[in-house]
Amino acid sequence: MRKRSVVTGNTDLPKTLLQRDDATPSMFINDISKLFYTEVRRESERVGISHGYRKMLMKLSCDDGITQLELVKHTHLTPPTVSVALSKMEAEGLVSRTADDKDLRQVRVHITEKGLEKAEFIRRKCEETEKIMLEGFSREDKEELVSLLRRVLSNLVEKEEERA
């Protein structure tokens, strides 16, 4: 029976993947993604930023004033989850909501200065974690890795578009 490498807080599990001769690229991508997510989540939650907040704050820091519906689409969270989270975030002073000037049925969401500070914290944690991930990589190594991962993503996007 094969051992599976699953990240559940036990840092020994991904190490087993490093020792496997039959490890595939998708296995590495999966474990890297989980470890990255776990590190950013842990640090964010330590300062009171939940998973749903993280996604919304990061999106709003780039696209301030998008509609609540657009936020649902971009974060892949359900409409009720976004609505409840936004109410809490509004109460905490992270966002504000206003009716759209042209379509009063639409609600626009704006990030506040306090929300931007939280988004910047998340961004820094992502950058710090990425720096750890790429320690010892040359500029050329990083460029090659990005090129290869871009091809992987492109292949998956192309397949997804064929299905649509």
N, C-alpha and C. Protein backbone atom coordinates (compact mmCIF):
# COMPACT_ATOMS: atom_id res chain seq x y z
N MET A 1 0.84 -1.18 0.00
CA MET A 1 0.00 0.00 0.00
C MET A 1 0.88 1.24 0.00
N ARG A 2 0.54 2.20 -0.87
CA ARG A 2 1.32 3.43 -0.98
C ARG A 2 0.98 4.42 0.11
N LYS A 3 2.01 5.14 0.56
CA LYS A 3 1.79 6.23 1.49
C LYS A 3 1.38 7.46 0.71
N ARG A 4 0.38 8.17 1.21
CA ARG A 4 -0.03 9.43 0.58
C ARG A 4 0.57 10.57 1.36
N SER A 5 0.97 11.62 0.65
CA SER A 5 1.49 12.80 1.31
C SER A 5 0.39 13.84 1.40
N VAL A 6 -0.08 14.07 2.61
CA VAL A 6 -1.14 15.03 2.83
C VAL A 6 -0.69 15.98 3.94
N VAL A 7 -0.90 17.27 3.72
CA VAL A 7 -0.51 18.25 4.71
C VAL A 7 -1.65 18.43 5.69
N THR A 8 -1.43 18.07 6.93
CA THR A 8 -2.45 18.23 7.96
C THR A 8 -1.83 18.86 9.20
N GLY A 9 -0.80 19.66 9.00
CA GLY A 9 -0.13 20.24 10.14
C GLY A 9 1.10 19.43 10.54
N ASN A 10 1.21 18.20 10.10
CA ASN A 10 2.36 17.36 10.38
C ASN A 10 3.38 17.58 9.28
N THR A 11 4.49 18.25 9.60
CA THR A 11 5.48 18.60 8.59
C THR A 11 6.27 17.40 8.09
N ASP A 12 6.14 16.24 8.73
CA ASP A 12 6.85 15.05 8.25
C ASP A 12 6.22 14.48 6.99
N LEU A 13 4.93 14.69 6.80
CA LEU A 13 4.25 14.08 5.67
C LEU A 13 4.77 14.54 4.32
N PRO A 14 4.93 15.85 4.05
CA PRO A 14 5.49 16.24 2.75
C PRO A 14 6.92 15.75 2.56
N LYS A 15 7.65 15.54 3.65
CA LYS A 15 9.02 15.03 3.53
C LYS A 15 9.03 13.66 2.87
N THR A 16 7.99 12.86 3.10
CA THR A 16 7.95 11.54 2.49
C THR A 16 7.88 11.65 0.97
N LEU A 17 7.23 12.69 0.48
CA LEU A 17 7.16 12.90 -0.96
C LEU A 17 8.56 13.17 -1.53
N LEU A 18 9.38 13.87 -0.80
CA LEU A 18 10.74 14.15 -1.25
C LEU A 18 11.56 12.88 -1.42
N GLN A 19 11.20 11.84 -0.73
CA GLN A 19 11.95 10.59 -0.78
C GLN A 19 11.38 9.58 -1.77
N ARG A 20 10.26 9.90 -2.38
CA ARG A 20 9.62 8.96 -3.30
C ARG A 20 10.20 9.07 -4.70
N ASP A 21 10.50 7.93 -5.29
CA ASP A 21 11.00 7.89 -6.66
C ASP A 21 9.86 8.05 -7.68
N ASP A 22 8.66 7.74 -7.26
CA ASP A 22 7.53 7.78 -8.18
C ASP A 22 6.71 9.08 -8.06
N ALA A 23 7.24 10.08 -7.36
CA ALA A 23 6.52 11.35 -7.18
C ALA A 23 6.33 12.04 -8.53
N THR A 24 5.14 12.58 -8.72
CA THR A 24 4.81 13.26 -9.98
C THR A 24 4.76 14.77 -9.75
N PRO A 25 4.84 15.55 -10.85
CA PRO A 25 4.75 17.01 -10.70
C PRO A 25 3.49 17.45 -9.96
N SER A 26 2.36 16.82 -10.25
CA SER A 26 1.12 17.24 -9.59
C SER A 26 1.17 16.98 -8.09
N MET A 27 1.87 15.95 -7.68
CA MET A 27 2.01 15.68 -6.24
C MET A 27 2.81 16.79 -5.57
N PHE A 28 3.87 17.24 -6.23
CA PHE A 28 4.67 18.34 -5.69
C PHE A 28 3.86 19.64 -5.66
N ILE A 29 3.17 19.93 -6.76
CA ILE A 29 2.36 21.15 -6.84
C ILE A 29 1.32 21.14 -5.73
N ASN A 30 0.68 20.01 -5.52
CA ASN A 30 -0.34 19.90 -4.48
C ASN A 30 0.24 20.16 -3.09
N ASP A 31 1.33 19.52 -2.76
CA ASP A 31 1.92 19.70 -1.43
C ASP A 31 2.47 21.11 -1.24
N ILE A 32 3.08 21.66 -2.28
CA ILE A 32 3.60 23.04 -2.19
C ILE A 32 2.44 24.00 -1.95
N SER A 33 1.37 23.83 -2.69
CA SER A 33 0.20 24.69 -2.54
C SER A 33 -0.37 24.60 -1.12
N LYS A 34 -0.50 23.40 -0.62
CA LYS A 34 -1.04 23.21 0.73
C LYS A 34 -0.14 23.85 1.79
N LEU A 35 1.16 23.65 1.66
CA LEU A 35 2.09 24.23 2.63
C LEU A 35 2.08 25.76 2.57
N PHE A 36 2.04 26.30 1.36
CA PHE A 36 1.99 27.76 1.19
C PHE A 36 0.72 28.30 1.83
N TYR A 37 -0.42 27.69 1.47
CA TYR A 37 -1.70 28.12 2.00
C TYR A 37 -1.72 28.03 3.54
N THR A 38 -1.21 26.92 4.07
CA THR A 38 -1.21 26.72 5.52
C THR A 38 -0.40 27.79 6.23
N GLU A 39 0.76 28.13 5.68
CA GLU A 39 1.61 29.15 6.30
C GLU A 39 0.93 30.51 6.29
N VAL A 40 0.38 30.91 5.14
CA VAL A 40 -0.28 32.21 5.04
C VAL A 40 -1.53 32.24 5.92
N ARG A 41 -2.30 31.16 5.90
CA ARG A 41 -3.51 31.08 6.74
C ARG A 41 -3.16 31.20 8.21
N ARG A 42 -2.15 30.46 8.65
CA ARG A 42 -1.75 30.46 10.06
C ARG A 42 -1.37 31.88 10.51
N GLU A 43 -0.55 32.54 9.73
CA GLU A 43 -0.11 33.89 10.09
C GLU A 43 -1.25 34.90 10.02
N SER A 44 -2.12 34.76 9.04
CA SER A 44 -3.26 35.67 8.90
C SER A 44 -4.24 35.49 10.06
N GLU A 45 -4.55 34.25 10.38
CA GLU A 45 -5.49 33.99 11.47
C GLU A 45 -4.92 34.43 12.81
N ARG A 46 -3.62 34.40 12.94
CA ARG A 46 -2.97 34.85 14.17
C ARG A 46 -3.31 36.31 14.47
N VAL A 47 -3.50 37.10 13.40
CA VAL A 47 -3.84 38.52 13.58
C VAL A 47 -5.31 38.80 13.27
N GLY A 48 -6.13 37.74 13.23
CA GLY A 48 -7.57 37.91 13.10
C GLY A 48 -8.12 38.05 11.69
N ILE A 49 -7.39 37.57 10.70
CA ILE A 49 -7.87 37.62 9.31
C ILE A 49 -8.26 36.20 8.89
N SER A 50 -9.56 35.97 8.72
CA SER A 50 -10.03 34.63 8.36
C SER A 50 -9.84 34.37 6.87
N HIS A 51 -10.05 33.11 6.47
CA HIS A 51 -9.89 32.69 5.08
C HIS A 51 -10.75 33.53 4.13
N GLY A 52 -12.03 33.65 4.43
CA GLY A 52 -12.92 34.42 3.57
C GLY A 52 -12.53 35.88 3.49
N TYR A 53 -12.12 36.44 4.62
CA TYR A 53 -11.66 37.82 4.64
C TYR A 53 -10.44 37.99 3.73
N ARG A 54 -9.52 37.04 3.81
CA ARG A 54 -8.28 37.12 3.03
C ARG A 54 -8.58 37.26 1.55
N LYS A 55 -9.41 36.37 1.06
CA LYS A 55 -9.74 36.39 -0.37
C LYS A 55 -10.38 37.71 -0.77
N MET A 56 -11.33 38.17 0.03
CA MET A 56 -12.04 39.40 -0.32
C MET A 56 -11.15 40.62 -0.19
N LEU A 57 -10.35 40.69 0.86
CA LEU A 57 -9.45 41.83 1.02
C LEU A 57 -8.44 41.91 -0.11
N MET A 58 -7.90 40.77 -0.51
CA MET A 58 -6.91 40.78 -1.59
C MET A 58 -7.55 41.23 -2.90
N LYS A 59 -8.76 40.76 -3.18
CA LYS A 59 -9.44 41.16 -4.41
C LYS A 59 -9.77 42.65 -4.37
N LEU A 60 -10.29 43.13 -3.25
CA LEU A 60 -10.66 44.54 -3.14
C LEU A 60 -9.43 45.46 -3.15
N SER A 61 -8.31 44.98 -2.67
CA SER A 61 -7.11 45.82 -2.69
C SER A 61 -6.63 46.07 -4.12
N CYS A 62 -7.01 45.19 -5.03
CA CYS A 62 -6.66 45.34 -6.45
C CYS A 62 -7.80 45.98 -7.25
N ASP A 63 -9.04 45.68 -6.87
CA ASP A 63 -10.23 46.13 -7.61
C ASP A 63 -11.24 46.75 -6.66
N ASP A 64 -10.89 47.83 -6.05
CA ASP A 64 -11.79 48.49 -5.12
C ASP A 64 -13.06 48.94 -5.83
N GLY A 65 -14.20 48.78 -5.17
CA GLY A 65 -15.45 49.25 -5.72
C GLY A 65 -16.16 48.27 -6.62
N ILE A 66 -15.71 47.02 -6.65
CA ILE A 66 -16.43 46.03 -7.46
C ILE A 66 -17.75 45.70 -6.77
N THR A 67 -18.65 45.09 -7.52
CA THR A 67 -19.94 44.75 -6.93
C THR A 67 -19.80 43.53 -6.04
N GLN A 68 -20.78 43.37 -5.18
CA GLN A 68 -20.81 42.22 -4.29
C GLN A 68 -20.87 40.93 -5.11
N LEU A 69 -21.63 40.95 -6.21
CA LEU A 69 -21.73 39.78 -7.09
C LEU A 69 -20.38 39.46 -7.73
N GLU A 70 -19.65 40.47 -8.16
CA GLU A 70 -18.31 40.23 -8.73
C GLU A 70 -17.38 39.64 -7.68
N LEU A 71 -17.53 40.07 -6.46
CA LEU A 71 -16.71 39.54 -5.36
C LEU A 71 -17.01 38.05 -5.15
N VAL A 72 -18.27 37.68 -5.27
CA VAL A 72 -18.66 36.27 -5.17
C VAL A 72 -17.96 35.47 -6.26
N LYS A 73 -18.03 35.97 -7.50
CA LYS A 73 -17.43 35.25 -8.63
C LYS A 73 -15.91 35.12 -8.49
N HIS A 74 -15.25 36.18 -8.07
CA HIS A 74 -13.78 36.16 -8.00
C HIS A 74 -13.24 35.36 -6.82
N THR A 75 -13.98 35.30 -5.73
CA THR A 75 -13.48 34.59 -4.55
C THR A 75 -13.93 33.14 -4.50
N HIS A 76 -14.91 32.77 -5.35
CA HIS A 76 -15.48 31.41 -5.35
C HIS A 76 -16.12 31.07 -4.01
N LEU A 77 -16.62 32.10 -3.33
CA LEU A 77 -17.38 31.90 -2.10
C LEU A 77 -18.86 32.02 -2.46
N THR A 78 -19.72 31.47 -1.65
CA THR A 78 -21.15 31.53 -1.94
C THR A 78 -21.68 32.93 -1.62
N PRO A 79 -22.77 33.34 -2.29
CA PRO A 79 -23.36 34.65 -2.00
C PRO A 79 -23.69 34.87 -0.51
N PRO A 80 -24.29 33.88 0.17
CA PRO A 80 -24.56 34.11 1.60
C PRO A 80 -23.27 34.27 2.43
N THR A 81 -22.24 33.51 2.08
CA THR A 81 -20.97 33.61 2.80
C THR A 81 -20.38 35.00 2.63
N VAL A 82 -20.40 35.50 1.41
CA VAL A 82 -19.87 36.84 1.13
C VAL A 82 -20.70 37.89 1.86
N SER A 83 -22.00 37.77 1.81
CA SER A 83 -22.87 38.74 2.45
C SER A 83 -22.63 38.80 3.96
N VAL A 84 -22.59 37.64 4.61
CA VAL A 84 -22.35 37.59 6.05
C VAL A 84 -20.96 38.13 6.39
N ALA A 85 -19.96 37.71 5.62
CA ALA A 85 -18.59 38.17 5.87
C ALA A 85 -18.49 39.68 5.69
N LEU A 86 -19.12 40.21 4.65
CA LEU A 86 -19.07 41.65 4.42
C LEU A 86 -19.72 42.42 5.55
N SER A 87 -20.80 41.89 6.10
CA SER A 87 -21.45 42.55 7.25
C SER A 87 -20.48 42.62 8.43
N LYS A 88 -19.79 41.51 8.68
CA LYS A 88 -18.81 41.49 9.77
C LYS A 88 -17.63 42.41 9.47
N MET A 89 -17.16 42.37 8.21
CA MET A 89 -16.03 43.21 7.82
C MET A 89 -16.39 44.69 7.90
N GLU A 90 -17.63 45.01 7.56
CA GLU A 90 -18.10 46.39 7.64
C GLU A 90 -18.13 46.84 9.10
N ALA A 91 -18.61 45.97 9.98
CA ALA A 91 -18.67 46.27 11.41
C ALA A 91 -17.26 46.48 11.99
N GLU A 92 -16.28 45.77 11.42
CA GLU A 92 -14.89 45.89 11.87
C GLU A 92 -14.15 47.04 11.20
N GLY A 93 -14.81 47.72 10.28
CA GLY A 93 -14.19 48.87 9.62
C GLY A 93 -13.23 48.51 8.51
N LEU A 94 -13.37 47.30 7.94
CA LEU A 94 -12.47 46.85 6.87
C LEU A 94 -12.99 47.23 5.49
N VAL A 95 -14.31 47.29 5.34
CA VAL A 95 -14.94 47.63 4.07
C VAL A 95 -16.15 48.52 4.31
N SER A 96 -16.61 49.13 3.23
CA SER A 96 -17.88 49.84 3.25
C SER A 96 -18.65 49.43 2.00
N ARG A 97 -19.96 49.49 2.07
CA ARG A 97 -20.80 49.13 0.93
C ARG A 97 -21.68 50.31 0.56
N THR A 98 -21.84 50.51 -0.74
CA THR A 98 -22.71 51.58 -1.23
C THR A 98 -23.53 51.06 -2.40
N ALA A 99 -24.67 51.67 -2.60
CA ALA A 99 -25.50 51.32 -3.76
C ALA A 99 -24.82 51.86 -5.01
N ASP A 100 -24.90 51.11 -6.09
CA ASP A 100 -24.35 51.54 -7.37
C ASP A 100 -25.15 52.74 -7.88
N ASP A 101 -24.45 53.76 -8.36
CA ASP A 101 -25.11 54.99 -8.84
C ASP A 101 -26.04 54.72 -10.02
N LYS A 102 -25.66 53.80 -10.89
CA LYS A 102 -26.42 53.55 -12.11
C LYS A 102 -27.46 52.45 -11.95
N ASP A 103 -27.20 51.50 -11.05
CA ASP A 103 -28.12 50.38 -10.85
C ASP A 103 -28.26 50.15 -9.34
N LEU A 104 -29.31 50.67 -8.77
CA LEU A 104 -29.48 50.62 -7.31
C LEU A 104 -29.64 49.21 -6.77
N ARG A 105 -29.85 48.23 -7.65
CA ARG A 105 -29.93 46.83 -7.21
C ARG A 105 -28.55 46.28 -6.89
N GLN A 106 -27.51 46.91 -7.44
CA GLN A 106 -26.13 46.45 -7.24
C GLN A 106 -25.52 47.14 -6.03
N VAL A 107 -24.72 46.39 -5.28
CA VAL A 107 -24.00 46.93 -4.13
C VAL A 107 -22.52 46.92 -4.45
N ARG A 108 -21.87 48.06 -4.31
CA ARG A 108 -20.43 48.18 -4.54
C ARG A 108 -19.71 48.08 -3.19
N VAL A 109 -18.59 47.39 -3.22
CA VAL A 109 -17.82 47.17 -1.99
C VAL A 109 -16.50 47.93 -2.11
N HIS A 110 -16.20 48.70 -1.06
CA HIS A 110 -14.97 49.50 -1.04
C HIS A 110 -14.13 49.09 0.17
N ILE A 111 -12.86 48.99 -0.06
CA ILE A 111 -11.93 48.64 1.02
C ILE A 111 -11.55 49.94 1.75
N THR A 112 -11.47 49.87 3.05
CA THR A 112 -11.09 51.03 3.85
C THR A 112 -9.58 51.03 4.07
N GLU A 113 -9.09 52.07 4.70
CA GLU A 113 -7.67 52.15 5.02
C GLU A 113 -7.26 50.99 5.93
N LYS A 114 -8.11 50.68 6.91
CA LYS A 114 -7.84 49.55 7.81
C LYS A 114 -7.82 48.24 7.01
N GLY A 115 -8.73 48.10 6.05
CA GLY A 115 -8.75 46.91 5.20
C GLY A 115 -7.50 46.81 4.35
N LEU A 116 -7.04 47.94 3.84
CA LEU A 116 -5.81 47.95 3.04
C LEU A 116 -4.60 47.52 3.87
N GLU A 117 -4.58 47.91 5.14
CA GLU A 117 -3.49 47.49 6.03
C GLU A 117 -3.49 45.97 6.20
N LYS A 118 -4.69 45.39 6.36
CA LYS A 118 -4.79 43.93 6.48
C LYS A 118 -4.35 43.25 5.18
N ALA A 119 -4.78 43.81 4.04
CA ALA A 119 -4.40 43.25 2.74
C ALA A 119 -2.88 43.31 2.56
N GLU A 120 -2.28 44.39 3.01
CA GLU A 120 -0.82 44.53 2.90
C GLU A 120 -0.12 43.49 3.78
N PHE A 121 -0.68 43.22 4.95
CA PHE A 121 -0.12 42.19 5.82
C PHE A 121 -0.14 40.84 5.10
N ILE A 122 -1.26 40.51 4.48
CA ILE A 122 -1.39 39.25 3.75
C ILE A 122 -0.38 39.20 2.61
N ARG A 123 -0.28 40.28 1.86
CA ARG A 123 0.66 40.36 0.74
C ARG A 123 2.10 40.11 1.22
N ARG A 124 2.47 40.74 2.34
CA ARG A 124 3.82 40.54 2.89
C ARG A 124 4.04 39.09 3.29
N LYS A 125 3.04 38.46 3.91
CA LYS A 125 3.17 37.05 4.31
C LYS A 125 3.34 36.16 3.08
N CYS A 126 2.62 36.45 2.02
CA CYS A 126 2.78 35.69 0.78
C CYS A 126 4.19 35.86 0.22
N GLU A 127 4.67 37.09 0.22
CA GLU A 127 6.02 37.36 -0.30
C GLU A 127 7.08 36.68 0.56
N GLU A 128 6.92 36.72 1.89
CA GLU A 128 7.88 36.07 2.79
C GLU A 128 7.89 34.56 2.57
N THR A 129 6.71 33.99 2.41
CA THR A 129 6.62 32.54 2.19
C THR A 129 7.21 32.16 0.85
N GLU A 130 6.96 32.98 -0.16
CA GLU A 130 7.55 32.70 -1.48
C GLU A 130 9.07 32.81 -1.43
N LYS A 131 9.58 33.76 -0.67
CA LYS A 131 11.02 33.92 -0.53
C LYS A 131 11.64 32.65 0.08
N ILE A 132 10.96 32.09 1.07
CA ILE A 132 11.42 30.83 1.68
C ILE A 132 11.39 29.71 0.64
N MET A 133 10.29 29.65 -0.12
CA MET A 133 10.13 28.61 -1.14
C MET A 133 11.26 28.62 -2.17
N LEU A 134 11.68 29.82 -2.53
CA LEU A 134 12.64 29.95 -3.62
C LEU A 134 14.08 30.23 -3.15
N GLU A 135 14.32 29.98 -1.90
CA GLU A 135 15.66 30.18 -1.34
C GLU A 135 16.66 29.31 -2.11
N GLY A 136 17.76 29.91 -2.52
CA GLY A 136 18.79 29.18 -3.24
C GLY A 136 18.57 29.09 -4.73
N PHE A 137 17.47 29.64 -5.23
CA PHE A 137 17.20 29.64 -6.66
C PHE A 137 17.86 30.86 -7.31
N SER A 138 18.48 30.66 -8.45
CA SER A 138 19.03 31.78 -9.21
C SER A 138 17.89 32.48 -9.95
N ARG A 139 18.15 33.64 -10.48
CA ARG A 139 17.16 34.37 -11.28
C ARG A 139 16.72 33.50 -12.46
N GLU A 140 17.68 32.82 -13.09
CA GLU A 140 17.37 31.95 -14.22
C GLU A 140 16.49 30.77 -13.78
N ASP A 141 16.78 30.20 -12.61
CA ASP A 141 15.96 29.10 -12.08
C ASP A 141 14.51 29.56 -11.92
N LYS A 142 14.35 30.74 -11.35
CA LYS A 142 13.00 31.28 -11.11
C LYS A 142 12.28 31.52 -12.43
N GLU A 143 12.98 32.08 -13.40
CA GLU A 143 12.36 32.33 -14.71
C GLU A 143 11.94 31.02 -15.37
N GLU A 144 12.79 30.00 -15.28
CA GLU A 144 12.47 28.69 -15.87
C GLU A 144 11.28 28.07 -15.15
N LEU A 145 11.26 28.15 -13.82
CA LEU A 145 10.14 27.60 -13.06
C LEU A 145 8.83 28.30 -13.44
N VAL A 146 8.84 29.62 -13.53
CA VAL A 146 7.64 30.36 -13.92
C VAL A 146 7.20 29.96 -15.33
N SER A 147 8.15 29.81 -16.22
CA SER A 147 7.83 29.41 -17.59
C SER A 147 7.16 28.03 -17.62
N LEU A 148 7.70 27.10 -16.88
CA LEU A 148 7.14 25.75 -16.84
C LEU A 148 5.75 25.74 -16.20
N LEU A 149 5.60 26.46 -15.11
CA LEU A 149 4.30 26.52 -14.44
C LEU A 149 3.27 27.25 -15.29
N ARG A 150 3.70 28.26 -16.04
CA ARG A 150 2.80 28.96 -16.96
C ARG A 150 2.26 27.98 -18.01
N ARG A 151 3.13 27.10 -18.51
CA ARG A 151 2.70 26.10 -19.49
C ARG A 151 1.71 25.12 -18.87
N VAL A 152 1.97 24.69 -17.63
CA VAL A 152 1.06 23.78 -16.93
C VAL A 152 -0.31 24.44 -16.80
N LEU A 153 -0.33 25.68 -16.32
CA LEU A 153 -1.59 26.39 -16.15
C LEU A 153 -2.29 26.60 -17.48
N SER A 154 -1.55 26.96 -18.49
CA SER A 154 -2.12 27.17 -19.82
C SER A 154 -2.80 25.90 -20.33
N ASN A 155 -2.16 24.76 -20.14
CA ASN A 155 -2.75 23.49 -20.55
C ASN A 155 -4.08 23.23 -19.85
N LEU A 156 -4.12 23.50 -18.55
CA LEU A 156 -5.34 23.27 -17.79
C LEU A 156 -6.43 24.27 -18.16
N VAL A 157 -6.07 25.53 -18.38
CA VAL A 157 -7.04 26.54 -18.79
C VAL A 157 -7.62 26.19 -20.15
N GLU A 158 -6.75 25.77 -21.06
CA GLU A 158 -7.21 25.39 -22.41
C GLU A 158 -8.22 24.25 -22.33
N LYS A 159 -7.93 23.25 -21.51
CA LYS A 159 -8.84 22.11 -21.36
C LYS A 159 -10.16 22.58 -20.76
N GLU A 160 -10.10 23.47 -19.80
CA GLU A 160 -11.32 24.00 -19.16
C GLU A 160 -12.16 24.78 -20.15
N GLU A 161 -11.51 25.54 -21.00
CA GLU A 161 -12.23 26.33 -22.02
C GLU A 161 -12.91 25.43 -23.04
N GLU A 162 -12.30 24.29 -23.34
CA GLU A 162 -12.91 23.33 -24.27
C GLU A 162 -14.21 22.79 -23.70
N ARG A 163 -14.28 22.65 -22.40
CA ARG A 163 -15.47 22.11 -21.74
C ARG A 163 -16.59 23.14 -21.65
N ALA A 164 -16.23 24.39 -21.67
CA ALA A 164 -17.24 25.46 -21.48
C ALA A 164 -18.10 25.68 -22.69
